[in-house]
Amino acid sequence: LKQEHPTLRMSQLKQLLKKEWMKSPDNPFNKPTKAYNQGSILPQNVPANVEDSDHDED
């Protein structure tokens, strides 16, 4: 970065570095997030026969 911009001050180089890091795919905070309660639903955790009490047929 210093070779690309030799005339910049150290604080300006740090700002450029931070700007590039925020866009980088290596940045873990740059990855898409999902809701806390949106876990992966595995087939073994879901009951096979789900009955709702709201839909009773008498």
PDB file of N, CA and C in Angstrom:
ATOM      1  N   LEU A   1       0.835  -1.197   0.000  1.00  0.00           N
ATOM      2  CA  LEU A   1       0.000   0.000   0.000  1.00  0.00           C
ATOM      3  C   LEU A   1       0.879   1.260   0.000  1.00  0.00           C
ATOM      4  N   LYS A   2       1.954   1.180   0.745  1.00  0.00           N
ATOM      5  CA  LYS A   2       2.895   2.304   0.800  1.00  0.00           C
ATOM      6  C   LYS A   2       3.532   2.541  -0.575  1.00  0.00           C
ATOM      7  N   GLN A   3       3.763   1.470  -1.317  1.00  0.00           N
ATOM      8  CA  GLN A   3       4.372   1.613  -2.643  1.00  0.00           C
ATOM      9  C   GLN A   3       3.384   2.205  -3.646  1.00  0.00           C
ATOM     10  N   GLU A   4       2.100   1.917  -3.462  1.00  0.00           N
ATOM     11  CA  GLU A   4       1.086   2.467  -4.360  1.00  0.00           C
ATOM     12  C   GLU A   4       0.845   3.948  -4.091  1.00  0.00           C
ATOM     13  N   HIS A   5       0.957   4.354  -2.817  1.00  0.00           N
ATOM     14  CA  HIS A   5       0.706   5.738  -2.412  1.00  0.00           C
ATOM     15  C   HIS A   5       1.864   6.234  -1.547  1.00  0.00           C
ATOM     16  N   PRO A   6       3.004   6.547  -2.144  1.00  0.00           N
ATOM     17  CA  PRO A   6       4.184   6.906  -1.345  1.00  0.00           C
ATOM     18  C   PRO A   6       4.087   8.260  -0.640  1.00  0.00           C
ATOM     19  N   THR A   7       3.193   9.133  -1.092  1.00  0.00           N
ATOM     20  CA  THR A   7       3.137  10.477  -0.516  1.00  0.00           C
ATOM     21  C   THR A   7       2.159  10.605   0.648  1.00  0.00           C
ATOM     22  N   LEU A   8       1.408   9.572   0.936  1.00  0.00           N
ATOM     23  CA  LEU A   8       0.408   9.669   2.002  1.00  0.00           C
ATOM     24  C   LEU A   8       1.037   9.553   3.381  1.00  0.00           C
ATOM     25  N   ARG A   9       0.384  10.198   4.339  1.00  0.00           N
ATOM     26  CA  ARG A   9       0.823  10.084   5.730  1.00  0.00           C
ATOM     27  C   ARG A   9       0.373   8.749   6.297  1.00  0.00           C
ATOM     28  N   MET A  10       0.937   8.404   7.460  1.00  0.00           N
ATOM     29  CA  MET A  10       0.623   7.117   8.087  1.00  0.00           C
ATOM     30  C   MET A  10      -0.872   7.010   8.410  1.00  0.00           C
ATOM     31  N   SER A  11      -1.477   8.069   8.894  1.00  0.00           N
ATOM     32  CA  SER A  11      -2.907   8.025   9.223  1.00  0.00           C
ATOM     33  C   SER A  11      -3.757   7.820   7.967  1.00  0.00           C
ATOM     34  N   GLN A  12      -3.334   8.413   6.856  1.00  0.00           N
ATOM     35  CA  GLN A  12      -4.061   8.228   5.604  1.00  0.00           C
ATOM     36  C   GLN A  12      -3.912   6.797   5.093  1.00  0.00           C
ATOM     37  N   LEU A  13      -2.726   6.226   5.267  1.00  0.00           N
ATOM     38  CA  LEU A  13      -2.518   4.830   4.873  1.00  0.00           C
ATOM     39  C   LEU A  13      -3.386   3.901   5.715  1.00  0.00           C
ATOM     40  N   LYS A  14      -3.486   4.202   7.009  1.00  0.00           N
ATOM     41  CA  LYS A  14      -4.324   3.384   7.889  1.00  0.00           C
ATOM     42  C   LYS A  14      -5.788   3.473   7.489  1.00  0.00           C
ATOM     43  N   GLN A  15      -6.230   4.660   7.082  1.00  0.00           N
ATOM     44  CA  GLN A  15      -7.611   4.822   6.635  1.00  0.00           C
ATOM     45  C   GLN A  15      -7.874   4.013   5.369  1.00  0.00           C
ATOM     46  N   LEU A  16      -6.932   4.044   4.437  1.00  0.00           N
ATOM     47  CA  LEU A  16      -7.075   3.251   3.214  1.00  0.00           C
ATOM     48  C   LEU A  16      -7.095   1.758   3.522  1.00  0.00           C
ATOM     49  N   LEU A  17      -6.217   1.358   4.429  1.00  0.00           N
ATOM     50  CA  LEU A  17      -6.149  -0.048   4.807  1.00  0.00           C
ATOM     51  C   LEU A  17      -7.460  -0.505   5.442  1.00  0.00           C
ATOM     52  N   LYS A  18      -8.007   0.317   6.323  1.00  0.00           N
ATOM     53  CA  LYS A  18      -9.278  -0.023   6.968  1.00  0.00           C
ATOM     54  C   LYS A  18     -10.404  -0.093   5.940  1.00  0.00           C
ATOM     55  N   LYS A  19     -10.421   0.840   5.000  1.00  0.00           N
ATOM     56  CA  LYS A  19     -11.448   0.867   3.962  1.00  0.00           C
ATOM     57  C   LYS A  19     -11.393  -0.401   3.104  1.00  0.00           C
ATOM     58  N   GLU A  20     -10.188  -0.812   2.741  1.00  0.00           N
ATOM     59  CA  GLU A  20     -10.027  -2.036   1.953  1.00  0.00           C
ATOM     60  C   GLU A  20     -10.402  -3.270   2.766  1.00  0.00           C
ATOM     61  N   TRP A  21     -10.079  -3.273   4.053  1.00  0.00           N
ATOM     62  CA  TRP A  21     -10.392  -4.415   4.914  1.00  0.00           C
ATOM     63  C   TRP A  21     -11.901  -4.574   5.084  1.00  0.00           C
ATOM     64  N   MET A  22     -12.621  -3.464   5.177  1.00  0.00           N
ATOM     65  CA  MET A  22     -14.070  -3.531   5.351  1.00  0.00           C
ATOM     66  C   MET A  22     -14.746  -4.133   4.116  1.00  0.00           C
ATOM     67  N   LYS A  23     -14.142  -3.993   2.945  1.00  0.00           N
ATOM     68  CA  LYS A  23     -14.696  -4.550   1.713  1.00  0.00           C
ATOM     69  C   LYS A  23     -14.207  -5.968   1.431  1.00  0.00           C
ATOM     70  N   SER A  24     -13.185  -6.395   2.134  1.00  0.00           N
ATOM     71  CA  SER A  24     -12.523  -7.662   1.837  1.00  0.00           C
ATOM     72  C   SER A  24     -13.392  -8.870   2.189  1.00  0.00           C
ATOM     73  N   PRO A  25     -13.375  -9.920   1.372  1.00  0.00           N
ATOM     74  CA  PRO A  25     -14.097 -11.153   1.714  1.00  0.00           C
ATOM     75  C   PRO A  25     -13.442 -11.908   2.867  1.00  0.00           C
ATOM     76  N   ASP A  26     -12.198 -11.563   3.202  1.00  0.00           N
ATOM     77  CA  ASP A  26     -11.519 -12.200   4.332  1.00  0.00           C
ATOM     78  C   ASP A  26     -12.019 -11.670   5.669  1.00  0.00           C
ATOM     79  N   ASN A  27     -12.693 -10.546   5.655  1.00  0.00           N
ATOM     80  CA  ASN A  27     -13.200  -9.931   6.874  1.00  0.00           C
ATOM     81  C   ASN A  27     -14.397 -10.741   7.380  1.00  0.00           C
ATOM     82  N   PRO A  28     -14.332 -11.317   8.583  1.00  0.00           N
ATOM     83  CA  PRO A  28     -15.447 -12.131   9.076  1.00  0.00           C
ATOM     84  C   PRO A  28     -16.714 -11.323   9.334  1.00  0.00           C
ATOM     85  N   PHE A  29     -16.600 -10.030   9.573  1.00  0.00           N
ATOM     86  CA  PHE A  29     -17.785  -9.198   9.792  1.00  0.00           C
ATOM     87  C   PHE A  29     -18.447  -8.811   8.483  1.00  0.00           C
ATOM     88  N   ASN A  30     -17.864  -9.159   7.378  1.00  0.00           N
ATOM     89  CA  ASN A  30     -18.392  -8.824   6.065  1.00  0.00           C
ATOM     90  C   ASN A  30     -19.238  -9.958   5.490  1.00  0.00           C
ATOM     91  N   LYS A  31     -19.381 -11.033   6.223  1.00  0.00           N
ATOM     92  CA  LYS A  31     -20.140 -12.187   5.740  1.00  0.00           C
ATOM     93  C   LYS A  31     -21.625 -11.989   6.033  1.00  0.00           C
ATOM     94  N   PRO A  32     -22.491 -12.566   5.221  1.00  0.00           N
ATOM     95  CA  PRO A  32     -23.928 -12.431   5.501  1.00  0.00           C
ATOM     96  C   PRO A  32     -24.280 -13.084   6.826  1.00  0.00           C
ATOM     97  N   THR A  33     -25.191 -12.474   7.527  1.00  0.00           N
ATOM     98  CA  THR A  33     -25.600 -12.992   8.829  1.00  0.00           C
ATOM     99  C   THR A  33     -27.018 -13.522   8.743  1.00  0.00           C
ATOM    100  N   LYS A  34     -27.381 -14.340   9.706  1.00  0.00           N
ATOM    101  CA  LYS A  34     -28.755 -14.811   9.793  1.00  0.00           C
ATOM    102  C   LYS A  34     -29.233 -14.596  11.217  1.00  0.00           C
ATOM    103  N   ALA A  35     -30.512 -14.637  11.400  1.00  0.00           N
ATOM    104  CA  ALA A  35     -31.093 -14.388  12.709  1.00  0.00           C
ATOM    105  C   ALA A  35     -30.645 -15.450  13.702  1.00  0.00           C
ATOM    106  N   TYR A  36     -30.589 -15.062  14.966  1.00  0.00           N
ATOM    107  CA  TYR A  36     -30.143 -15.969  16.023  1.00  0.00           C
ATOM    108  C   TYR A  36     -31.034 -17.209  16.098  1.00  0.00           C
ATOM    109  N   ASN A  37     -32.334 -17.026  15.981  1.00  0.00           N
ATOM    110  CA  ASN A  37     -33.263 -18.142  16.120  1.00  0.00           C
ATOM    111  C   ASN A  37     -33.525 -18.863  14.799  1.00  0.00           C
ATOM    112  N   GLN A  38     -32.801 -18.554  13.770  1.00  0.00           N
ATOM    113  CA  GLN A  38     -32.961 -19.205  12.474  1.00  0.00           C
ATOM    114  C   GLN A  38     -31.905 -20.293  12.338  1.00  0.00           C
ATOM    115  N   GLY A  39     -32.007 -21.296  13.197  1.00  0.00           N
ATOM    116  CA  GLY A  39     -31.051 -22.396  13.144  1.00  0.00           C
ATOM    117  C   GLY A  39     -31.366 -23.321  11.984  1.00  0.00           C
ATOM    118  N   SER A  40     -30.446 -24.174  11.685  1.00  0.00           N
ATOM    119  CA  SER A  40     -30.698 -25.138  10.620  1.00  0.00           C
ATOM    120  C   SER A  40     -31.620 -26.222  11.157  1.00  0.00           C
ATOM    121  N   ILE A  41     -32.656 -26.506  10.425  1.00  0.00           N
ATOM    122  CA  ILE A  41     -33.625 -27.514  10.850  1.00  0.00           C
ATOM    123  C   ILE A  41     -33.196 -28.849  10.258  1.00  0.00           C
ATOM    124  N   LEU A  42     -32.790 -29.736  11.121  1.00  0.00           N
ATOM    125  CA  LEU A  42     -32.346 -31.050  10.685  1.00  0.00           C
ATOM    126  C   LEU A  42     -33.526 -32.016  10.693  1.00  0.00           C
ATOM    127  N   PRO A  43     -33.578 -32.958   9.760  1.00  0.00           N
ATOM    128  CA  PRO A  43     -34.713 -33.878   9.682  1.00  0.00           C
ATOM    129  C   PRO A  43     -34.919 -34.695  10.957  1.00  0.00           C
ATOM    130  N   GLN A  44     -33.869 -35.045  11.677  1.00  0.00           N
ATOM    131  CA  GLN A  44     -34.042 -35.860  12.866  1.00  0.00           C
ATOM    132  C   GLN A  44     -34.630 -35.046  14.022  1.00  0.00           C
ATOM    133  N   ASN A  45     -34.604 -33.714  13.936  1.00  0.00           N
ATOM    134  CA  ASN A  45     -35.145 -32.878  14.996  1.00  0.00           C
ATOM    135  C   ASN A  45     -36.609 -32.501  14.769  1.00  0.00           C
ATOM    136  N   VAL A  46     -37.130 -32.775  13.588  1.00  0.00           N
ATOM    137  CA  VAL A  46     -38.502 -32.414  13.267  1.00  0.00           C
ATOM    138  C   VAL A  46     -39.374 -33.655  13.387  1.00  0.00           C
ATOM    139  N   PRO A  47     -40.452 -33.583  14.185  1.00  0.00           N
ATOM    140  CA  PRO A  47     -41.339 -34.744  14.289  1.00  0.00           C
ATOM    141  C   PRO A  47     -42.003 -35.056  12.944  1.00  0.00           C
ATOM    142  N   ALA A  48     -42.212 -36.325  12.677  1.00  0.00           N
ATOM    143  CA  ALA A  48     -42.778 -36.744  11.393  1.00  0.00           C
ATOM    144  C   ALA A  48     -44.255 -36.380  11.292  1.00  0.00           C
ATOM    145  N   ASN A  49     -44.992 -36.476  12.394  1.00  0.00           N
ATOM    146  CA  ASN A  49     -46.419 -36.216  12.374  1.00  0.00           C
ATOM    147  C   ASN A  49     -46.706 -35.025  13.287  1.00  0.00           C
ATOM    148  N   VAL A  50     -46.867 -33.869  12.693  1.00  0.00           N
ATOM    149  CA  VAL A  50     -47.135 -32.661  13.464  1.00  0.00           C
ATOM    150  C   VAL A  50     -48.621 -32.365  13.377  1.00  0.00           C
ATOM    151  N   GLU A  51     -49.258 -32.266  14.545  1.00  0.00           N
ATOM    152  CA  GLU A  51     -50.690 -31.976  14.582  1.00  0.00           C
ATOM    153  C   GLU A  51     -50.904 -30.646  15.276  1.00  0.00           C
ATOM    154  N   ASP A  52     -51.687 -29.768  14.655  1.00  0.00           N
ATOM    155  CA  ASP A  52     -52.022 -28.489  15.267  1.00  0.00           C
ATOM    156  C   ASP A  52     -53.325 -28.625  16.029  1.00  0.00           C
ATOM    157  N   SER A  53     -53.369 -28.073  17.224  1.00  0.00           N
ATOM    158  CA  SER A  53     -54.592 -28.140  18.020  1.00  0.00           C
ATOM    159  C   SER A  53     -55.642 -27.173  17.481  1.00  0.00           C
ATOM    160  N   ASP A  54     -55.253 -26.224  16.650  1.00  0.00           N
ATOM    161  CA  ASP A  54     -56.200 -25.264  16.093  1.00  0.00           C
ATOM    162  C   ASP A  54     -57.059 -25.872  14.983  1.00  0.00           C
ATOM    163  N   HIS A  55     -56.627 -26.953  14.401  1.00  0.00           N
ATOM    164  CA  HIS A  55     -57.324 -27.538  13.265  1.00  0.00           C
ATOM    165  C   HIS A  55     -57.951 -28.886  13.622  1.00  0.00           C
ATOM    166  N   ASP A  56     -58.657 -28.936  14.730  1.00  0.00           N
ATOM    167  CA  ASP A  56     -59.333 -30.178  15.112  1.00  0.00           C
ATOM    168  C   ASP A  56     -60.561 -30.381  14.234  1.00  0.00           C
ATOM    169  N   GLU A  57     -60.706 -31.586  13.733  1.00  0.00           N
ATOM    170  CA  GLU A  57     -61.867 -31.909  12.903  1.00  0.00           C
ATOM    171  C   GLU A  57     -62.766 -32.851  13.673  1.00  0.00           C
ATOM    172  N   ASP A  58     -63.925 -32.358  14.121  1.00  0.00           N
ATOM    173  CA  ASP A  58     -64.876 -33.181  14.888  1.00  0.00           C
ATOM    174  C   ASP A  58     -66.106 -33.502  14.095  1.00  0.00           C
TER     175      ASP A  58
END
